[in-house]
């Protein structure tokens, strides 16, 4: 079963190197028809000067990228287009699977660009994605851009990190009360005096002469006497006997928060040169070497010699008990001032 061919793409800073890569690939057995070279020929930004490798592919640059990446737009395709706009040259090789590693090795040996690393540099200059409307760089602009990249690539940064203690407040439910009320029946009793009337009729025998008043009663008459009885009348009246008041008392307190925060401290130690003079100073002036080392010690960062001298003296005598401070002080201070630039 025939294996599918692979495409290897390499980016080079100038057209001459791209030409050389194409020649070496052809010498290594890659058919010339399977090697394509594309560069920013319009402005000469790639250092193109004509010659044996000049190529004009069908469809131009647009057709070139269409053959490499298809018709879609993606971020990787944009990185290669941007590198071409900035004056780089691109070599694309159609190779058999067994040739891929060798092709990649030849390109890397000739300084093929790491496109991802280069794209990171582009982003630092404001690049957010390839814009077809952006003009190509001129030869001078491309040269300046490459020199700037090399300058940035040679730098190493040491981040100075410092933690900061941030203290805030949050409300935490600590507890509370819940008040319920319900009605209970309670038996009560109370005594009351009631009056009751009853009619009593008595017949008493009598034998006396009729008196004048008695004759007036000698007629028909009716006499009514009523009986009265008191009975209890019960009613209820609600009375507030007590109130339960629920509230909150708020107090404030000051609490001291203690914690540890970290920070990066950079110690810079001078490295003695390889020349005879540097070696001699390092060997014959241990005090100078000690002073320059203390200048980079984080304990003394930002301090002048007068502020740090006592601590340096204590440290020196602890590590060199047989030495005399008054004899070593001058060289130690000279090393300190050489590194710090402070007196």
Protein backbone atom coordinates (compact mmCIF):
# COMPACT_ATOMS: atom_id res chain seq x y z
CA UNK A 1 0.00 0.00 0.00
CA UNK A 2 1.47 3.33 -1.08
CA UNK A 3 2.06 5.75 1.80
CA UNK A 4 0.78 9.31 1.63
CA UNK A 5 3.35 12.03 0.95
CA UNK A 6 4.08 14.67 3.57
CA UNK A 7 4.75 18.39 3.20
CA UNK A 8 7.58 19.91 5.21
CA UNK A 9 7.61 23.71 5.50
CA UNK A 10 10.61 25.77 6.58
CA UNK A 11 10.90 29.54 7.13
CA UNK A 12 14.21 31.35 6.55
CA UNK A 13 15.24 34.92 7.31
CA UNK A 14 16.54 35.62 3.80
CA UNK A 15 16.09 34.37 0.26
CA UNK A 16 19.73 33.33 -0.18
CA UNK A 17 19.45 30.81 2.66
CA UNK A 18 16.17 29.52 1.22
CA UNK A 19 17.96 29.02 -2.14
CA UNK A 20 20.77 27.13 -0.42
CA UNK A 21 18.25 24.90 1.37
CA UNK A 22 16.55 24.09 -1.94
CA UNK A 23 19.89 23.19 -3.55
CA UNK A 24 20.94 20.91 -0.68
CA UNK A 25 17.55 19.21 -0.66
CA UNK A 26 17.85 18.59 -4.40
CA UNK A 27 21.40 17.27 -3.97
CA UNK A 28 20.07 14.95 -1.27
CA UNK A 29 17.68 13.31 -3.72
CA UNK A 30 14.51 15.40 -3.51
CA UNK A 31 13.18 16.04 -7.04
CA UNK A 32 13.28 19.72 -7.97
CA UNK A 33 9.59 19.64 -8.89
CA UNK A 34 8.78 18.81 -5.24
CA UNK A 35 10.61 21.86 -3.85
CA UNK A 36 8.85 25.24 -3.78
CA UNK A 37 10.43 28.51 -2.69
CA UNK A 38 8.36 31.62 -2.00
CA UNK A 39 9.50 35.06 -0.83
CA UNK A 40 8.53 38.70 -0.70
CA UNK A 41 10.04 39.53 -4.09
CA UNK A 42 8.07 42.74 -4.64
CA UNK A 43 9.98 44.77 -2.06
CA UNK A 44 13.22 42.84 -1.97
CA UNK A 45 12.73 42.47 1.81
CA UNK A 46 13.95 38.87 1.69
CA UNK A 47 17.24 39.86 0.08
CA UNK A 48 16.19 38.40 -3.29
CA UNK A 49 18.52 39.24 -6.12
CA UNK A 50 17.31 37.00 -8.93
CA UNK A 51 19.23 34.02 -10.25
CA UNK A 52 18.89 30.32 -10.66
CA UNK A 53 16.15 29.71 -8.10
CA UNK A 54 13.69 32.38 -9.15
CA UNK A 55 10.21 30.87 -9.23
CA UNK A 56 6.72 31.93 -10.25
CA UNK A 57 4.14 29.45 -9.02
CA UNK A 58 0.69 29.26 -10.46
CA UNK A 59 -1.68 31.47 -8.50
CA UNK A 60 1.13 33.48 -6.88
CA UNK A 61 1.45 33.68 -3.10
CA UNK A 62 -2.27 33.08 -2.62
CA UNK A 63 -2.09 29.89 -4.64
CA UNK A 64 1.05 28.84 -2.77
CA UNK A 65 -0.71 29.00 0.61
CA UNK A 66 -3.83 27.41 -0.83
CA UNK A 67 -1.79 24.39 -1.88
CA UNK A 68 -0.16 24.17 1.55
CA UNK A 69 -3.13 24.75 3.85
CA UNK A 70 -6.22 24.38 1.67
CA UNK A 71 -8.89 27.02 1.32
CA UNK A 72 -9.63 27.58 5.02
CA UNK A 73 -8.27 30.29 7.27
CA UNK A 74 -6.47 29.24 10.46
CA UNK A 75 -3.98 30.71 12.91
CA UNK A 76 -1.00 28.66 11.71
CA UNK A 77 -1.51 29.72 8.11
CA UNK A 78 -1.64 33.34 9.29
CA UNK A 79 1.75 32.98 11.03
CA UNK A 80 3.41 31.85 7.79
CA UNK A 81 1.73 34.63 5.80
CA UNK A 82 2.86 37.21 8.35
CA UNK A 83 6.45 35.93 8.22
CA UNK A 84 6.38 36.28 4.43
CA UNK A 85 5.01 39.83 4.75
CA UNK A 86 7.89 40.70 7.07
CA UNK A 87 10.49 39.60 4.52
CA UNK A 88 11.13 35.95 5.35
CA UNK A 89 11.30 33.20 2.72
CA UNK A 90 9.43 29.89 2.81
CA UNK A 91 10.59 26.52 1.45
CA UNK A 92 7.93 23.82 1.06
CA UNK A 93 8.97 20.25 0.26
CA UNK A 94 6.70 17.37 -0.75
CA UNK A 95 8.50 14.29 0.54
CA UNK A 96 7.94 10.60 1.03
CA UNK A 97 7.42 9.54 4.68
CA UNK A 98 10.93 8.08 4.81
CA UNK A 99 12.44 11.41 3.69
CA UNK A 100 10.67 13.71 6.17
CA UNK A 101 13.26 13.52 8.98
CA UNK A 102 16.14 14.12 6.58
CA UNK A 103 14.38 17.13 5.00
CA UNK A 104 13.71 18.60 8.45
CA UNK A 105 17.33 18.07 9.47
CA UNK A 106 18.67 19.88 6.40
CA UNK A 107 16.36 22.84 7.01
CA UNK A 108 17.23 23.03 10.72
CA UNK A 109 20.96 22.85 9.96
CA UNK A 110 20.56 25.92 7.73
CA UNK A 111 18.78 27.90 10.46
CA UNK A 112 15.07 27.37 9.77
CA UNK A 113 12.95 29.65 11.95
CA UNK A 114 10.82 28.34 14.84
CA UNK A 115 7.53 29.79 13.58
CA UNK A 116 5.78 29.58 16.96
CA UNK A 117 8.59 31.48 18.66
CA UNK A 118 8.61 34.04 15.87
CA UNK A 119 4.82 34.44 16.19
CA UNK A 120 5.25 35.21 19.90
CA UNK A 121 7.64 37.99 18.93
CA UNK A 122 5.13 39.28 16.37
CA UNK A 123 2.51 39.53 19.12
CA UNK A 124 4.86 41.73 21.13
CA UNK A 125 4.84 44.20 18.24
CA UNK A 126 1.02 44.34 18.10
CA UNK A 127 0.29 41.37 15.83
CA UNK A 128 -3.08 39.75 16.54
CA UNK A 129 -3.51 37.86 13.29
CA UNK A 130 -2.55 38.17 9.66
CA UNK A 131 -4.23 41.06 7.84
CA UNK A 132 -4.18 40.74 4.07
CA UNK A 133 -4.49 44.52 3.74
CA UNK A 134 -1.26 45.13 5.71
CA UNK A 135 1.55 46.36 3.42
CA UNK A 136 4.71 44.28 3.03
CA UNK A 137 7.83 45.52 4.79
CA UNK A 138 10.52 47.18 2.76
CA UNK A 139 14.05 45.84 2.70
CA UNK A 140 15.21 48.25 5.42
CA UNK A 141 12.13 47.64 7.57
CA UNK A 142 12.59 43.87 7.32
CA UNK A 143 16.25 44.14 8.31
CA UNK A 144 15.39 46.26 11.35
CA UNK A 145 12.64 43.82 12.31
CA UNK A 146 15.02 40.83 12.16
CA UNK A 147 17.70 42.65 14.16
CA UNK A 148 15.14 43.56 16.80
CA UNK A 149 14.03 39.93 17.06
CA UNK A 150 17.61 38.73 17.48
CA UNK A 151 18.13 41.36 20.18
CA UNK A 152 15.00 40.29 22.04
CA UNK A 153 15.85 36.61 21.64
CA UNK A 154 19.20 37.17 23.33
CA UNK A 155 17.66 38.65 26.44
CA UNK A 156 16.79 36.66 29.54
CA UNK A 157 14.42 38.13 32.06
CA UNK A 158 14.23 37.26 35.75
CA UNK A 159 10.77 38.07 37.12
CA UNK A 160 10.78 39.81 40.49
CA UNK A 161 7.74 38.40 42.26
CA UNK A 162 6.44 39.73 45.54
CA UNK A 163 3.40 38.58 47.43
CA UNK A 164 1.14 41.14 49.03
CA UNK A 165 -1.03 40.46 52.05
CA UNK A 166 -4.62 41.47 51.39
CA UNK A 167 -6.96 41.45 54.38
CA UNK A 168 -10.70 41.79 53.88
CA UNK A 169 -13.85 41.06 55.86
CA UNK A 170 -16.72 38.70 55.39
CA UNK A 171 -19.84 38.07 57.46
CA UNK A 172 -19.96 34.60 59.03
CA UNK A 173 -23.11 33.36 60.76
CA UNK A 174 -22.01 32.44 64.26
CA UNK A 175 -25.41 31.63 65.86
CA UNK A 176 -28.64 33.27 66.90
CA UNK A 177 -32.02 32.72 68.53
CA UNK A 178 -35.38 31.64 67.18
CA UNK A 179 -38.49 32.76 69.09
CA UNK A 180 -41.71 30.70 69.00
CA UNK A 181 -45.05 31.66 70.56
CA UNK A 182 -48.02 29.37 71.07
CA UNK A 183 -51.30 29.42 73.07
CA UNK A 184 -51.80 27.14 76.06
CA UNK A 185 -54.98 26.49 78.10
CA UNK A 186 -54.58 27.00 81.80
CA UNK A 187 -57.41 26.12 84.27
CA UNK A 188 -58.26 28.95 86.68
CA UNK A 189 -60.89 29.34 89.39
CA UNK A 190 -62.29 32.29 91.25
CA UNK A 191 -64.90 32.51 94.04
CA UNK A 192 -67.91 34.81 93.85
CA UNK A 193 -70.74 35.47 96.33
CA UNK A 194 -74.20 35.13 94.82
CA UNK A 195 -77.43 36.22 96.53
CA UNK A 196 -80.61 34.26 96.13
CA UNK A 197 -84.09 35.33 97.30
CA UNK A 198 -86.92 32.93 98.09
CA UNK A 199 -90.50 33.86 99.05
CA UNK A 200 -91.56 32.48 102.31
CA UNK A 201 -95.27 32.26 103.19
CA UNK A 202 -96.27 31.76 106.79
CA UNK A 203 -99.65 31.37 108.34
CA UNK A 204 -99.77 32.45 111.89
CA UNK A 205 -102.85 31.94 114.04
CA UNK A 206 -104.27 35.20 115.44
CA UNK A 207 -107.26 36.18 117.67
CA UNK A 208 -107.52 39.91 118.05
CA UNK A 209 -110.20 42.49 117.34
CA UNK A 210 -110.28 44.15 113.90
CA UNK A 211 -108.61 47.43 113.89
CA UNK A 212 -109.36 50.38 111.65
CA UNK A 213 -106.68 49.61 109.21
CA UNK A 214 -107.77 46.08 108.85
CA UNK A 215 -111.23 47.05 107.53
CA UNK A 216 -109.62 48.66 104.45
CA UNK A 217 -108.23 45.34 103.44
CA UNK A 218 -111.60 43.69 103.53
CA UNK A 219 -111.83 43.41 99.77
CA UNK A 220 -110.48 41.38 96.84
CA UNK A 221 -106.81 41.98 96.30
CA UNK A 222 -103.73 40.40 94.77
CA UNK A 223 -100.28 40.58 96.32
CA UNK A 224 -97.20 39.60 94.31
CA UNK A 225 -93.79 39.06 95.78
CA UNK A 226 -90.92 38.13 93.34
CA UNK A 227 -87.86 36.13 94.05
CA UNK A 228 -84.42 37.34 92.83
CA UNK A 229 -81.47 35.05 92.21
CA UNK A 230 -77.94 36.16 91.28
CA UNK A 231 -76.04 34.00 88.85
CA UNK A 232 -72.44 34.35 87.66
CA UNK A 233 -71.68 36.11 84.35
CA UNK A 234 -68.34 35.04 82.81
CA UNK A 235 -66.34 37.04 80.20
CA UNK A 236 -62.65 37.16 79.23
CA UNK A 237 -60.39 40.13 78.68
CA UNK A 238 -56.93 39.78 77.04
CA UNK A 239 -54.22 41.69 78.85
CA UNK A 240 -50.55 42.10 77.82
CA UNK A 241 -48.55 40.94 80.83
CA UNK A 242 -45.05 40.80 79.26
CA UNK A 243 -43.20 41.50 75.99
CA UNK A 244 -40.25 39.58 74.49
CA UNK A 245 -38.03 41.98 72.52
CA UNK A 246 -35.41 40.43 70.15
CA UNK A 247 -32.61 42.68 68.88
CA UNK A 248 -28.85 42.66 68.17
CA UNK A 249 -25.98 44.45 69.84
CA UNK A 250 -23.11 45.31 67.48
CA UNK A 251 -19.56 45.78 68.69
CA UNK A 252 -16.31 46.27 66.81
CA UNK A 253 -12.89 44.87 67.58
CA UNK A 254 -9.44 45.26 66.07
CA UNK A 255 -7.67 42.04 65.16
CA UNK A 256 -4.05 41.80 64.05
CA UNK A 257 -3.50 39.47 61.08
CA UNK A 258 -0.08 37.87 60.86
CA UNK A 259 1.17 35.85 57.91
CA UNK A 260 4.23 35.35 55.73
CA UNK A 261 4.56 36.74 52.22
CA UNK A 262 7.22 35.77 49.72
CA UNK A 263 9.22 37.82 47.26
CA UNK A 264 11.95 37.19 44.77
CA UNK A 265 15.34 38.64 45.61
CA UNK A 266 18.04 38.65 42.96
CA UNK A 267 21.65 38.30 43.96
CA UNK A 268 24.18 39.45 41.40
CA UNK A 269 27.69 38.06 41.78
CA UNK A 270 30.46 39.36 39.55
CA UNK A 271 32.23 36.72 37.50
CA UNK A 272 35.97 37.17 37.23
CA UNK A 273 37.25 37.48 33.67
CA UNK A 274 39.65 35.04 32.09
CA UNK A 275 42.42 37.63 31.65
CA UNK A 276 45.52 37.76 33.81
CA UNK A 277 44.52 41.03 35.44
CA UNK A 278 41.14 39.71 36.54
CA UNK A 279 42.65 36.49 37.86
CA UNK A 280 45.30 38.41 39.76
CA UNK A 281 42.79 40.72 41.44
CA UNK A 282 40.60 37.78 42.44
CA UNK A 283 43.52 35.82 43.88
CA UNK A 284 45.48 38.63 45.53
CA UNK A 285 42.51 40.65 46.84
CA UNK A 286 40.18 38.31 48.74
CA UNK A 287 38.80 41.36 50.52
CA UNK A 288 37.79 42.89 47.18
CA UNK A 289 36.07 39.63 46.16
CA UNK A 290 34.27 39.44 49.51
CA UNK A 291 33.08 43.05 49.24
CA UNK A 292 31.75 42.58 45.70
CA UNK A 293 29.90 39.45 46.83
CA UNK A 294 28.30 41.25 49.77
CA UNK A 295 27.13 44.00 47.42
CA UNK A 296 24.84 41.45 45.78
CA UNK A 297 23.60 39.94 49.06
CA UNK A 298 19.83 40.57 49.51
CA UNK A 299 20.44 41.55 53.13
CA UNK A 300 22.13 44.73 52.00
CA UNK A 301 19.95 45.69 49.06
CA UNK A 302 19.47 49.47 48.87
CA UNK A 303 21.86 50.20 51.76
CA UNK A 304 24.89 52.45 51.63
CA UNK A 305 28.32 51.37 52.87
CA UNK A 306 27.94 53.37 56.10
CA UNK A 307 24.58 51.70 56.78
CA UNK A 308 25.83 48.18 56.04
CA UNK A 309 29.43 48.35 57.34
CA UNK A 310 28.77 47.03 60.85
CA UNK A 311 26.78 44.00 59.62
CA UNK A 312 29.41 43.27 56.96
CA UNK A 313 32.18 43.47 59.59
CA UNK A 314 30.34 41.00 61.88
CA UNK A 315 29.79 38.60 58.97
CA UNK A 316 33.39 38.88 57.77
CA UNK A 317 34.94 38.29 61.19
CA UNK A 318 32.66 35.32 61.80
CA UNK A 319 33.88 33.69 58.60
CA UNK A 320 37.49 34.91 58.90
CA UNK A 321 38.31 34.87 62.64
CA UNK A 322 42.05 35.15 62.07
CA UNK A 323 41.82 38.30 59.94
CA UNK A 324 41.98 41.92 61.05
CA UNK A 325 39.05 44.09 59.99
CA UNK A 326 41.08 47.31 59.86
CA UNK A 327 43.45 45.67 57.37
CA UNK A 328 40.74 44.13 55.14
CA UNK A 329 38.21 46.98 55.28
CA UNK A 330 39.66 49.08 52.45
CA UNK A 331 39.61 46.25 49.86
CA UNK A 332 36.17 45.06 51.00
CA UNK A 333 34.77 48.55 50.60
CA UNK A 334 36.40 48.95 47.19
CA UNK A 335 34.71 45.72 45.99
CA UNK A 336 31.40 46.89 47.46
CA UNK A 337 31.54 50.29 45.73
CA UNK A 338 32.63 48.75 42.43
CA UNK A 339 29.46 46.64 42.23
CA UNK A 340 26.91 48.98 43.84
CA UNK A 341 28.23 52.27 42.49
CA UNK A 342 27.42 53.73 45.95
CA UNK A 343 29.73 55.06 48.63
